[in-house]
Every structure is written in structure tokens, then in C-alpha cells.
Amino acid sequence: MAGGTSLENANPLIFQRSGERLLTAADEDDDVTDPIDDREIFDPYLIRNINDPEHPLSLEELNVVEQVRVNVNEQENAVSVEFTPTIPHCSMATLIGLSIKVKLLRSLPDRFKIDVHITPGAHASEEAVNKQLADKERVAAALENAQLLEVVNQCLTSKSL
């Protein structure tokens, strides 16, 4: 937070992190074709540990992202992630959605179509935010803004667990 501005949600509810997934021998075997699934998208190296732009917590700890809201369709090369802002008028919703989308764009093969959107009914400006996140040109333009890209990269920077 810059310049003495106050937090919109000064006391957010904090949720317990889900346990780390147990890796099997097949998960670690490079000779086995491993499909991308919701568990892999939610994995600590992808969306669950993205940092909240306002609080020193992860999106998982704020319950903004949950594995049950991740949907992968390998046959159609589609990944869909719903996220739930902590408050219905969260001004950071677009930035959070952009951070999730950028992380997936950087991490997944190009063949995947990535859809990131707000959980229905969870935000006052849901339709406008979803429209921005679905527009490739708006996303590309946002990422050309050096200051915005710096904030997105801070959200994506790994913190020690």
C-alpha cells in the first residue's frame, strides 16, 4: 500500500492452507504422460500461493481461490478459474484476476485457453471485471503498463511457505 491509503478490508478472514499434495511415483516419472488437472493448476507453484496485492497473505489464505473453483478440460484445452474477492466492492478484483491469468499464461502450454472470472454474485462490478479479463487486447495493454506489470509481478513473487 502506498502513500497512507487505508485498506478496503482491514481485517479479512484468514483461512487455513490446504495440505500439500502427495506426489506418487507416477507423478515424478518423466516417462508417464501426466494430464493437467485442477489439482495441478491449484498447486503451490501456480495459483494458490499468488500474493494478495493488499495483504501479506496468499489468495488461498484469503479464500479468494479454491481448488473446487478450478476446472480443466484437457480435451478442449481449456482452463477455467473462478475467484472470490474478499468483499463485494473490492477495488483489487481486476488486479487479482489479472495476476491469476498472467501466472497461468506464463506457466501453461500455449494450447490452453484460459478463462479467469469472478465467482457469480461475489462482486458488485462482476460483469465489468470479467469483461476486462476476457479481453485479450485489454490484458495485453495492461501488461504494457510498467507500473501495473510491476504490481502483478510482486503478486506472483514466491514467498517462503
Foldseek 3Di string as FASTA:
>chain_A
DPDPDDDPCNDAQFDDADDADDDDPLNVDPVHDDFDFLCNCCHPLAQQQQQDLRDRGGLVRRQQFDSVQWGADRVQQEIEGAGADRAQADPCVLLSQLLNVVRCCVPDPPSHDYQYAYDPPRHPPRVVSSVQSNDPVSSVVQCVPVVSVVSSVNSNDDDDD
